[in-house]
Amino acid sequence: GMHGGAVIPLTLAFGCNVPAIMSVRLLHSRRERIIASFLVTM
């Protein structure tokens, strides 16, 4: 349910979830940001 830009926060989450969550703003729609937020925290 996301686009290519989501690969950055998901990868960065392996280092630290904080910058990964901050990078979800790179995604274009709120729907994508919500999905990414759930996945990044896991």
PDB file of all heavy atoms in Angstrom:
ATOM      1  N   GLY A   1       0.774  -1.230   0.000  1.00  0.00           N
ATOM      2  CA  GLY A   1       0.000   0.000   0.000  1.00  0.00           C
ATOM      3  C   GLY A   1       0.806   1.281   0.000  1.00  0.00           C
ATOM      4  O   GLY A   1       0.277   2.340   0.324  1.00  0.00           O
ATOM      5  N   MET A   2       2.103   1.209  -0.366  1.00  0.00           N
ATOM      6  CA  MET A   2       2.928   2.415  -0.386  1.00  0.00           C
ATOM      7  C   MET A   2       3.640   2.524  -1.725  1.00  0.00           C
ATOM      8  O   MET A   2       3.490   1.686  -2.605  1.00  0.00           O
ATOM      9  CB  MET A   2       3.934   2.385   0.769  1.00  0.00           C
ATOM     10  CG  MET A   2       3.289   2.445   2.139  1.00  0.00           C
ATOM     11  SD  MET A   2       4.485   2.445   3.487  1.00  0.00           S
ATOM     12  CE  MET A   2       5.126   0.773   3.393  1.00  0.00           C
ATOM     13  N   HIS A   3       4.422   3.592  -1.853  1.00  0.00           N
ATOM     14  CA  HIS A   3       5.183   3.806  -3.071  1.00  0.00           C
ATOM     15  C   HIS A   3       6.669   3.674  -2.794  1.00  0.00           C
ATOM     16  O   HIS A   3       7.090   3.459  -1.663  1.00  0.00           O
ATOM     17  CB  HIS A   3       4.853   5.176  -3.665  1.00  0.00           C
ATOM     18  CG  HIS A   3       3.442   5.271  -4.163  1.00  0.00           C
ATOM     19  ND1 HIS A   3       2.954   4.438  -5.139  1.00  0.00           N
ATOM     20  CD2 HIS A   3       2.415   6.078  -3.807  1.00  0.00           C
ATOM     21  CE1 HIS A   3       1.680   4.742  -5.367  1.00  0.00           C
ATOM     22  NE2 HIS A   3       1.333   5.726  -4.569  1.00  0.00           N
ATOM     23  N   GLY A   4       7.458   3.829  -3.854  1.00  0.00           N
ATOM     24  CA  GLY A   4       8.892   3.563  -3.771  1.00  0.00           C
ATOM     25  C   GLY A   4       9.622   4.325  -2.698  1.00  0.00           C
ATOM     26  O   GLY A   4      10.600   3.838  -2.126  1.00  0.00           O
ATOM     27  N   GLY A   5       9.175   5.558  -2.395  1.00  0.00           N
ATOM     28  CA  GLY A   5       9.856   6.362  -1.388  1.00  0.00           C
ATOM     29  C   GLY A   5       9.872   5.730  -0.010  1.00  0.00           C
ATOM     30  O   GLY A   5      10.707   6.085   0.831  1.00  0.00           O
ATOM     31  N   ALA A   6       8.973   4.759   0.250  1.00  0.00           N
ATOM     32  CA  ALA A   6       8.893   4.133   1.575  1.00  0.00           C
ATOM     33  C   ALA A   6      10.082   3.236   1.864  1.00  0.00           C
ATOM     34  O   ALA A   6      10.286   2.842   3.019  1.00  0.00           O
ATOM     35  CB  ALA A   6       7.599   3.317   1.683  1.00  0.00           C
ATOM     36  N   VAL A   7      10.875   2.907   0.871  1.00  0.00           N
ATOM     37  CA  VAL A   7      12.016   2.030   1.103  1.00  0.00           C
ATOM     38  C   VAL A   7      13.044   2.708   2.012  1.00  0.00           C
ATOM     39  O   VAL A   7      13.760   2.043   2.770  1.00  0.00           O
ATOM     40  CB  VAL A   7      12.667   1.612  -0.247  1.00  0.00           C
ATOM     41  CG1 VAL A   7      13.420   2.765  -0.887  1.00  0.00           C
ATOM     42  CG2 VAL A   7      13.594   0.421  -0.051  1.00  0.00           C
ATOM     43  N   ILE A   8      13.100   4.034   1.990  1.00  0.00           N
ATOM     44  CA  ILE A   8      14.076   4.755   2.817  1.00  0.00           C
ATOM     45  C   ILE A   8      13.749   4.632   4.314  1.00  0.00           C
ATOM     46  O   ILE A   8      14.584   4.178   5.099  1.00  0.00           O
ATOM     47  CB  ILE A   8      14.168   6.233   2.390  1.00  0.00           C
ATOM     48  CG1 ILE A   8      14.612   6.346   0.923  1.00  0.00           C
ATOM     49  CG2 ILE A   8      15.121   7.001   3.301  1.00  0.00           C
ATOM     50  CD1 ILE A   8      15.982   5.800   0.638  1.00  0.00           C
ATOM     51  N   PRO A   9      12.531   5.022   4.762  1.00  0.00           N
ATOM     52  CA  PRO A   9      12.251   4.878   6.199  1.00  0.00           C
ATOM     53  C   PRO A   9      12.309   3.440   6.684  1.00  0.00           C
ATOM     54  O   PRO A   9      12.782   3.178   7.795  1.00  0.00           O
ATOM     55  CB  PRO A   9      10.833   5.461   6.358  1.00  0.00           C
ATOM     56  CG  PRO A   9      10.272   5.582   4.994  1.00  0.00           C
ATOM     57  CD  PRO A   9      11.424   5.728   4.071  1.00  0.00           C
ATOM     58  N   LEU A  10      11.848   2.478   5.879  1.00  0.00           N
ATOM     59  CA  LEU A  10      11.859   1.083   6.321  1.00  0.00           C
ATOM     60  C   LEU A  10      13.283   0.566   6.504  1.00  0.00           C
ATOM     61  O   LEU A  10      13.561  -0.218   7.418  1.00  0.00           O
ATOM     62  CB  LEU A  10      11.100   0.209   5.316  1.00  0.00           C
ATOM     63  CG  LEU A  10       9.579   0.371   5.312  1.00  0.00           C
ATOM     64  CD1 LEU A  10       8.952  -0.459   4.199  1.00  0.00           C
ATOM     65  CD2 LEU A  10       8.978  -0.025   6.656  1.00  0.00           C
ATOM     66  N   THR A  11      14.191   0.992   5.644  1.00  0.00           N
ATOM     67  CA  THR A  11      15.585   0.560   5.772  1.00  0.00           C
ATOM     68  C   THR A  11      16.257   1.240   6.957  1.00  0.00           C
ATOM     69  O   THR A  11      16.964   0.620   7.740  1.00  0.00           O
ATOM     70  CB  THR A  11      16.365   0.879   4.484  1.00  0.00           C
ATOM     71  OG1 THR A  11      15.723   0.230   3.381  1.00  0.00           O
ATOM     72  CG2 THR A  11      17.796   0.389   4.575  1.00  0.00           C
ATOM     73  N   LEU A  12      16.009   2.555   7.086  1.00  0.00           N
ATOM     74  CA  LEU A  12      16.632   3.318   8.170  1.00  0.00           C
ATOM     75  C   LEU A  12      16.180   2.859   9.539  1.00  0.00           C
ATOM     76  O   LEU A  12      16.865   3.064  10.535  1.00  0.00           O
ATOM     77  CB  LEU A  12      16.319   4.800   7.994  1.00  0.00           C
ATOM     78  CG  LEU A  12      17.305   5.540   7.078  1.00  0.00           C
ATOM     79  CD1 LEU A  12      17.819   6.752   7.699  1.00  0.00           C
ATOM     80  CD2 LEU A  12      18.383   4.659   6.562  1.00  0.00           C
ATOM     81  N   ALA A  13      14.987   2.246   9.611  1.00  0.00           N
ATOM     82  CA  ALA A  13      14.453   1.785  10.898  1.00  0.00           C
ATOM     83  C   ALA A  13      15.348   0.733  11.534  1.00  0.00           C
ATOM     84  O   ALA A  13      15.334   0.563  12.754  1.00  0.00           O
ATOM     85  CB  ALA A  13      13.044   1.228  10.716  1.00  0.00           C
ATOM     86  N   PHE A  14      16.163   0.026  10.727  1.00  0.00           N
ATOM     87  CA  PHE A  14      17.084  -0.957  11.300  1.00  0.00           C
ATOM     88  C   PHE A  14      18.131  -0.266  12.175  1.00  0.00           C
ATOM     89  O   PHE A  14      18.622  -0.852  13.128  1.00  0.00           O
ATOM     90  CB  PHE A  14      17.786  -1.755  10.200  1.00  0.00           C
ATOM     91  CG  PHE A  14      16.913  -2.795   9.557  1.00  0.00           C
ATOM     92  CD1 PHE A  14      16.270  -2.537   8.361  1.00  0.00           C
ATOM     93  CD2 PHE A  14      16.720  -4.021  10.169  1.00  0.00           C
ATOM     94  CE1 PHE A  14      15.455  -3.488   7.768  1.00  0.00           C
ATOM     95  CE2 PHE A  14      15.908  -4.977   9.584  1.00  0.00           C
ATOM     96  CZ  PHE A  14      15.268  -4.710   8.382  1.00  0.00           C
ATOM     97  N   GLY A  15      18.493   0.968  11.843  1.00  0.00           N
ATOM     98  CA  GLY A  15      19.422   1.710  12.682  1.00  0.00           C
ATOM     99  C   GLY A  15      18.721   2.313  13.878  1.00  0.00           C
ATOM    100  O   GLY A  15      19.109   2.092  15.013  1.00  0.00           O
ATOM    101  N   CYS A  16      17.663   3.092  13.606  1.00  0.00           N
ATOM    102  CA  CYS A  16      16.905   3.736  14.683  1.00  0.00           C
ATOM    103  C   CYS A  16      15.538   4.107  14.140  1.00  0.00           C
ATOM    104  O   CYS A  16      15.424   4.662  13.041  1.00  0.00           O
ATOM    105  CB  CYS A  16      17.644   4.971  15.186  1.00  0.00           C
ATOM    106  SG  CYS A  16      16.781   5.826  16.533  1.00  0.00           S
ATOM    107  N   ASN A  17      14.492   3.816  14.909  1.00  0.00           N
ATOM    108  CA  ASN A  17      13.131   4.122  14.474  1.00  0.00           C
ATOM    109  C   ASN A  17      12.843   5.618  14.431  1.00  0.00           C
ATOM    110  O   ASN A  17      11.956   6.068  13.699  1.00  0.00           O
ATOM    111  CB  ASN A  17      12.112   3.455  15.398  1.00  0.00           C
ATOM    112  CG  ASN A  17      12.005   1.954  15.201  1.00  0.00           C
ATOM    113  OD1 ASN A  17      11.322   1.271  15.951  1.00  0.00           O
ATOM    114  ND2 ASN A  17      12.689   1.408  14.195  1.00  0.00           N
ATOM    115  N   VAL A  18      13.573   6.411  15.222  1.00  0.00           N
ATOM    116  CA  VAL A  18      13.279   7.850  15.312  1.00  0.00           C
ATOM    117  C   VAL A  18      13.496   8.557  13.964  1.00  0.00           C
ATOM    118  O   VAL A  18      12.573   9.190  13.442  1.00  0.00           O
ATOM    119  CB  VAL A  18      14.091   8.510  16.441  1.00  0.00           C
ATOM    120  CG1 VAL A  18      13.917  10.024  16.407  1.00  0.00           C
ATOM    121  CG2 VAL A  18      13.644   7.967  17.787  1.00  0.00           C
ATOM    122  N   PRO A  19      14.702   8.503  13.366  1.00  0.00           N
ATOM    123  CA  PRO A  19      14.852   9.151  12.059  1.00  0.00           C
ATOM    124  C   PRO A  19      13.982   8.508  10.988  1.00  0.00           C
ATOM    125  O   PRO A  19      13.564   9.172  10.041  1.00  0.00           O
ATOM    126  CB  PRO A  19      16.343   8.989  11.751  1.00  0.00           C
ATOM    127  CG  PRO A  19      16.789   7.845  12.581  1.00  0.00           C
ATOM    128  CD  PRO A  19      15.966   7.909  13.827  1.00  0.00           C
ATOM    129  N   ALA A  20      13.708   7.201  11.151  1.00  0.00           N
ATOM    130  CA  ALA A  20      12.849   6.527  10.175  1.00  0.00           C
ATOM    131  C   ALA A  20      11.439   7.092  10.196  1.00  0.00           C
ATOM    132  O   ALA A  20      10.829   7.349   9.148  1.00  0.00           O
ATOM    133  CB  ALA A  20      12.826   5.021  10.457  1.00  0.00           C
ATOM    134  N   ILE A  21      10.889   7.314  11.414  1.00  0.00           N
ATOM    135  CA  ILE A  21       9.557   7.908  11.521  1.00  0.00           C
ATOM    136  C   ILE A  21       9.574   9.338  10.993  1.00  0.00           C
ATOM    137  O   ILE A  21       8.638   9.781  10.311  1.00  0.00           O
ATOM    138  CB  ILE A  21       9.076   7.895  12.991  1.00  0.00           C
ATOM    139  CG1 ILE A  21       8.753   6.456  13.429  1.00  0.00           C
ATOM    140  CG2 ILE A  21       7.854   8.771  13.172  1.00  0.00           C
ATOM    141  CD1 ILE A  21       7.565   5.843  12.722  1.00  0.00           C
ATOM    142  N   MET A  22      10.635  10.084  11.276  1.00  0.00           N
ATOM    143  CA  MET A  22      10.720  11.456  10.790  1.00  0.00           C
ATOM    144  C   MET A  22      10.776  11.510   9.265  1.00  0.00           C
ATOM    145  O   MET A  22      10.341  12.480   8.650  1.00  0.00           O
ATOM    146  CB  MET A  22      11.936  12.163  11.389  1.00  0.00           C
ATOM    147  CG  MET A  22      11.848  12.338  12.895  1.00  0.00           C
ATOM    148  SD  MET A  22      13.287  13.145  13.632  1.00  0.00           S
ATOM    149  CE  MET A  22      12.993  14.844  13.174  1.00  0.00           C
ATOM    150  N   SER A  23      11.265  10.450   8.641  1.00  0.00           N
ATOM    151  CA  SER A  23      11.375  10.446   7.182  1.00  0.00           C
ATOM    152  C   SER A  23      10.091  10.011   6.482  1.00  0.00           C
ATOM    153  O   SER A  23      10.025  10.044   5.255  1.00  0.00           O
ATOM    154  CB  SER A  23      12.531   9.536   6.742  1.00  0.00           C
ATOM    155  OG  SER A  23      12.228   8.174   6.983  1.00  0.00           O
ATOM    156  N   VAL A  24       9.046   9.600   7.236  1.00  0.00           N
ATOM    157  CA  VAL A  24       7.794   9.229   6.564  1.00  0.00           C
ATOM    158  C   VAL A  24       7.145  10.440   5.914  1.00  0.00           C
ATOM    159  O   VAL A  24       6.271  10.305   5.064  1.00  0.00           O
ATOM    160  CB  VAL A  24       6.773   8.538   7.512  1.00  0.00           C
ATOM    161  CG1 VAL A  24       7.356   7.289   8.118  1.00  0.00           C
ATOM    162  CG2 VAL A  24       6.274   9.487   8.585  1.00  0.00           C
ATOM    163  N   ARG A  25       7.588  11.649   6.296  1.00  0.00           N
ATOM    164  CA  ARG A  25       7.046  12.845   5.649  1.00  0.00           C
ATOM    165  C   ARG A  25       7.447  12.903   4.169  1.00  0.00           C
ATOM    166  O   ARG A  25       6.871  13.677   3.409  1.00  0.00           O
ATOM    167  CB  ARG A  25       7.544  14.093   6.364  1.00  0.00           C
ATOM    168  CG  ARG A  25       9.033  14.336   6.242  1.00  0.00           C
ATOM    169  CD  ARG A  25       9.488  15.532   7.040  1.00  0.00           C
ATOM    170  NE  ARG A  25       9.249  15.327   8.459  1.00  0.00           N
ATOM    171  CZ  ARG A  25       9.675  16.168   9.390  1.00  0.00           C
ATOM    172  NH1 ARG A  25      10.333  17.244   9.057  1.00  0.00           N
ATOM    173  NH2 ARG A  25       9.449  15.932  10.663  1.00  0.00           N
ATOM    174  N   LEU A  26       8.441  12.078   3.768  1.00  0.00           N
ATOM    175  CA  LEU A  26       8.810  12.014   2.360  1.00  0.00           C
ATOM    176  C   LEU A  26       7.702  11.383   1.523  1.00  0.00           C
ATOM    177  O   LEU A  26       7.672  11.555   0.302  1.00  0.00           O
ATOM    178  CB  LEU A  26      10.103  11.193   2.185  1.00  0.00           C
ATOM    179  CG  LEU A  26      11.365  11.723   2.889  1.00  0.00           C
ATOM    180  CD1 LEU A  26      12.478  10.707   2.777  1.00  0.00           C
ATOM    181  CD2 LEU A  26      11.783  13.058   2.313  1.00  0.00           C
ATOM    182  N   LEU A  27       6.802  10.632   2.156  1.00  0.00           N
ATOM    183  CA  LEU A  27       5.713   9.978   1.443  1.00  0.00           C
ATOM    184  C   LEU A  27       4.610  10.990   1.163  1.00  0.00           C
ATOM    185  O   LEU A  27       4.385  11.926   1.916  1.00  0.00           O
ATOM    186  CB  LEU A  27       5.184   8.806   2.266  1.00  0.00           C
ATOM    187  CG  LEU A  27       6.254   7.785   2.684  1.00  0.00           C
ATOM    188  CD1 LEU A  27       5.642   6.663   3.501  1.00  0.00           C
ATOM    189  CD2 LEU A  27       6.957   7.212   1.458  1.00  0.00           C
ATOM    190  N   HIS A  28       3.886  10.784   0.059  1.00  0.00           N
ATOM    191  CA  HIS A  28       3.033  11.846  -0.472  1.00  0.00           C
ATOM    192  C   HIS A  28       1.638  11.910   0.146  1.00  0.00           C
ATOM    193  O   HIS A  28       1.038  12.976   0.185  1.00  0.00           O
ATOM    194  CB  HIS A  28       2.913  11.699  -1.990  1.00  0.00           C
ATOM    195  CG  HIS A  28       4.211  11.890  -2.705  1.00  0.00           C
ATOM    196  ND1 HIS A  28       4.933  13.064  -2.621  1.00  0.00           N
ATOM    197  CD2 HIS A  28       4.944  11.062  -3.491  1.00  0.00           C
ATOM    198  CE1 HIS A  28       6.036  12.948  -3.340  1.00  0.00           C
ATOM    199  NE2 HIS A  28       6.069  11.751  -3.867  1.00  0.00           N
ATOM    200  N   SER A  29       1.096  10.809   0.584  1.00  0.00           N
ATOM    201  CA  SER A  29      -0.281  10.836   1.093  1.00  0.00           C
ATOM    202  C   SER A  29      -0.313  10.424   2.559  1.00  0.00           C
ATOM    203  O   SER A  29       0.578   9.713   3.045  1.00  0.00           O
ATOM    204  CB  SER A  29      -1.176   9.885   0.282  1.00  0.00           C
ATOM    205  OG  SER A  29      -0.851   8.539   0.540  1.00  0.00           O
ATOM    206  N   ARG A  30      -1.344  10.871   3.264  1.00  0.00           N
ATOM    207  CA  ARG A  30      -1.496  10.502   4.674  1.00  0.00           C
ATOM    208  C   ARG A  30      -1.685   8.998   4.803  1.00  0.00           C
ATOM    209  O   ARG A  30      -1.209   8.391   5.773  1.00  0.00           O
ATOM    210  CB  ARG A  30      -2.680  11.252   5.289  1.00  0.00           C
ATOM    211  CG  ARG A  30      -2.933  10.870   6.737  1.00  0.00           C
ATOM    212  CD  ARG A  30      -3.787  11.864   7.463  1.00  0.00           C
ATOM    213  NE  ARG A  30      -4.142  11.423   8.794  1.00  0.00           N
ATOM    214  CZ  ARG A  30      -3.330  11.475   9.848  1.00  0.00           C
ATOM    215  NH1 ARG A  30      -2.108  11.946   9.728  1.00  0.00           N
ATOM    216  NH2 ARG A  30      -3.734  11.062  11.036  1.00  0.00           N
ATOM    217  N   ARG A  31      -2.361   8.371   3.853  1.00  0.00           N
ATOM    218  CA  ARG A  31      -2.566   6.924   3.879  1.00  0.00           C
ATOM    219  C   ARG A  31      -1.222   6.189   3.926  1.00  0.00           C
ATOM    220  O   ARG A  31      -1.024   5.270   4.723  1.00  0.00           O
ATOM    221  CB  ARG A  31      -3.361   6.502   2.649  1.00  0.00           C
ATOM    222  CG  ARG A  31      -3.630   5.008   2.553  1.00  0.00           C
ATOM    223  CD  ARG A  31      -4.457   4.701   1.309  1.00  0.00           C
ATOM    224  NE  ARG A  31      -4.816   3.302   1.265  1.00  0.00           N
ATOM    225  CZ  ARG A  31      -4.038   2.352   0.757  1.00  0.00           C
ATOM    226  NH1 ARG A  31      -2.860   2.673   0.247  1.00  0.00           N
ATOM    227  NH2 ARG A  31      -4.429   1.086   0.755  1.00  0.00           N
ATOM    228  N   GLU A  32      -0.295   6.595   3.072  1.00  0.00           N
ATOM    229  CA  GLU A  32       1.021   5.971   3.050  1.00  0.00           C
ATOM    230  C   GLU A  32       1.779   6.232   4.351  1.00  0.00           C
ATOM    231  O   GLU A  32       2.475   5.341   4.861  1.00  0.00           O
ATOM    232  CB  GLU A  32       1.831   6.514   1.875  1.00  0.00           C
ATOM    233  CG  GLU A  32       1.343   6.078   0.514  1.00  0.00           C
ATOM    234  CD  GLU A  32       2.219   6.658  -0.575  1.00  0.00           C
ATOM    235  OE1 GLU A  32       3.309   6.111  -0.802  1.00  0.00           O
ATOM    236  OE2 GLU A  32       1.815   7.650  -1.196  1.00  0.00           O
ATOM    237  N   ARG A  33       1.648   7.449   4.882  1.00  0.00           N
ATOM    238  CA  ARG A  33       2.362   7.781   6.116  1.00  0.00           C
ATOM    239  C   ARG A  33       1.844   6.951   7.292  1.00  0.00           C
ATOM    240  O   ARG A  33       2.615   6.562   8.171  1.00  0.00           O
ATOM    241  CB  ARG A  33       2.240   9.283   6.405  1.00  0.00           C
ATOM    242  CG  ARG A  33       3.015  10.158   5.429  1.00  0.00           C
ATOM    243  CD  ARG A  33       3.102  11.600   5.900  1.00  0.00           C
ATOM    244  NE  ARG A  33       1.855  12.313   5.735  1.00  0.00           N
ATOM    245  CZ  ARG A  33       1.500  12.988   4.646  1.00  0.00           C
ATOM    246  NH1 ARG A  33       2.308  13.013   3.600  1.00  0.00           N
ATOM    247  NH2 ARG A  33       0.353  13.635   4.585  1.00  0.00           N
ATOM    248  N   ILE A  34       0.536   6.683   7.311  1.00  0.00           N
ATOM    249  CA  ILE A  34      -0.038   5.853   8.377  1.00  0.00           C
ATOM    250  C   ILE A  34       0.490   4.425   8.289  1.00  0.00           C
ATOM    251  O   ILE A  34       0.936   3.840   9.285  1.00  0.00           O
ATOM    252  CB  ILE A  34      -1.575   5.876   8.298  1.00  0.00           C
ATOM    253  CG1 ILE A  34      -2.114   7.259   8.697  1.00  0.00           C
ATOM    254  CG2 ILE A  34      -2.174   4.794   9.209  1.00  0.00           C
ATOM    255  CD1 ILE A  34      -3.595   7.424   8.453  1.00  0.00           C
ATOM    256  N   ILE A  35       0.448   3.846   7.085  1.00  0.00           N
ATOM    257  CA  ILE A  35       0.941   2.469   6.906  1.00  0.00           C
ATOM    258  C   ILE A  35       2.415   2.381   7.268  1.00  0.00           C
ATOM    259  O   ILE A  35       2.850   1.468   7.989  1.00  0.00           O
ATOM    260  CB  ILE A  35       0.704   1.998   5.450  1.00  0.00           C
ATOM    261  CG1 ILE A  35      -0.799   1.912   5.156  1.00  0.00           C
ATOM    262  CG2 ILE A  35       1.369   0.648   5.212  1.00  0.00           C
ATOM    263  CD1 ILE A  35      -1.126   1.613   3.701  1.00  0.00           C
ATOM    264  N   ALA A  36       3.206   3.346   6.785  1.00  0.00           N
ATOM    265  CA  ALA A  36       4.644   3.336   7.066  1.00  0.00           C
ATOM    266  C   ALA A  36       4.915   3.464   8.558  1.00  0.00           C
ATOM    267  O   ALA A  36       5.838   2.829   9.092  1.00  0.00           O
ATOM    268  CB  ALA A  36       5.334   4.471   6.309  1.00  0.00           C
ATOM    269  N   SER A  37       4.123   4.258   9.263  1.00  0.00           N
ATOM    270  CA  SER A  37       4.327   4.444  10.702  1.00  0.00           C
ATOM    271  C   SER A  37       4.135   3.136  11.459  1.00  0.00           C
ATOM    272  O   SER A  37       4.901   2.816  12.373  1.00  0.00           O
ATOM    273  CB  SER A  37       3.362   5.503  11.244  1.00  0.00           C
ATOM    274  OG  SER A  37       3.599   6.753  10.649  1.00  0.00           O
ATOM    275  N   PHE A  38       3.112   2.365  11.084  1.00  0.00           N
ATOM    276  CA  PHE A  38       2.902   1.060  11.714  1.00  0.00           C
ATOM    277  C   PHE A  38       4.088   0.141  11.447  1.00  0.00           C
ATOM    278  O   PHE A  38       4.612  -0.510  12.365  1.00  0.00           O
ATOM    279  CB  PHE A  38       1.626   0.408  11.169  1.00  0.00           C
ATOM    280  CG  PHE A  38       0.375   0.792  11.902  1.00  0.00           C
ATOM    281  CD1 PHE A  38      -0.357   1.906  11.523  1.00  0.00           C
ATOM    282  CD2 PHE A  38      -0.088   0.046  12.965  1.00  0.00           C
ATOM    283  CE1 PHE A  38      -1.519   2.274  12.182  1.00  0.00           C
ATOM    284  CE2 PHE A  38      -1.240   0.393  13.647  1.00  0.00           C
ATOM    285  CZ  PHE A  38      -1.964   1.516  13.253  1.00  0.00           C
ATOM    286  N   LEU A  39       4.512   0.061  10.194  1.00  0.00           N
ATOM    287  CA  LEU A  39       5.550  -0.897   9.816  1.00  0.00           C
ATOM    288  C   LEU A  39       6.912  -0.510  10.379  1.00  0.00           C
ATOM    289  O   LEU A  39       7.678  -1.373  10.828  1.00  0.00           O
ATOM    290  CB  LEU A  39       5.614  -1.034   8.292  1.00  0.00           C
ATOM    291  CG  LEU A  39       4.330  -1.489   7.593  1.00  0.00           C
ATOM    292  CD1 LEU A  39       4.588  -1.765   6.125  1.00  0.00           C
ATOM    293  CD2 LEU A  39       3.747  -2.731   8.261  1.00  0.00           C
ATOM    294  N   VAL A  40       7.222   0.793  10.342  1.00  0.00           N
ATOM    295  CA  VAL A  40       8.529   1.242  10.837  1.00  0.00           C
ATOM    296  C   VAL A  40       8.709   0.902  12.313  1.00  0.00           C
ATOM    297  O   VAL A  40       9.788   0.468  12.741  1.00  0.00           O
ATOM    298  CB  VAL A  40       8.688   2.757  10.596  1.00  0.00           C
ATOM    299  CG1 VAL A  40       9.799   3.334  11.471  1.00  0.00           C
ATOM    300  CG2 VAL A  40       8.995   3.033   9.131  1.00  0.00           C
ATOM    301  N   THR A  41       7.651   1.083  13.116  1.00  0.00           N
ATOM    302  CA  THR A  41       7.770   0.811  14.557  1.00  0.00           C
ATOM    303  C   THR A  41       7.964  -0.669  14.852  1.00  0.00           C
ATOM    304  O   THR A  41       8.357  -1.026  15.966  1.00  0.00           O
ATOM    305  CB  THR A  41       6.527   1.306  15.312  1.00  0.00           C
ATOM    306  OG1 THR A  41       5.349   0.741  14.732  1.00  0.00           O
ATOM    307  CG2 THR A  41       6.420   2.819  15.254  1.00  0.00           C
ATOM    308  N   MET A  42       7.687  -1.514  13.876  1.00  0.00           N
ATOM    309  CA  MET A  42       7.872  -2.953  14.076  1.00  0.00           C
ATOM    310  C   MET A  42       9.251  -3.435  13.648  1.00  0.00           C
ATOM    311  O   MET A  42       9.668  -4.546  14.006  1.00  0.00           O
ATOM    312  CB  MET A  42       6.794  -3.727  13.295  1.00  0.00           C
ATOM    313  CG  MET A  42       5.379  -3.481  13.786  1.00  0.00           C
ATOM    314  SD  MET A  42       4.142  -4.289  12.733  1.00  0.00           S
ATOM    315  CE  MET A  42       4.534  -6.016  13.020  1.00  0.00           C
TER     316      MET A  42
END
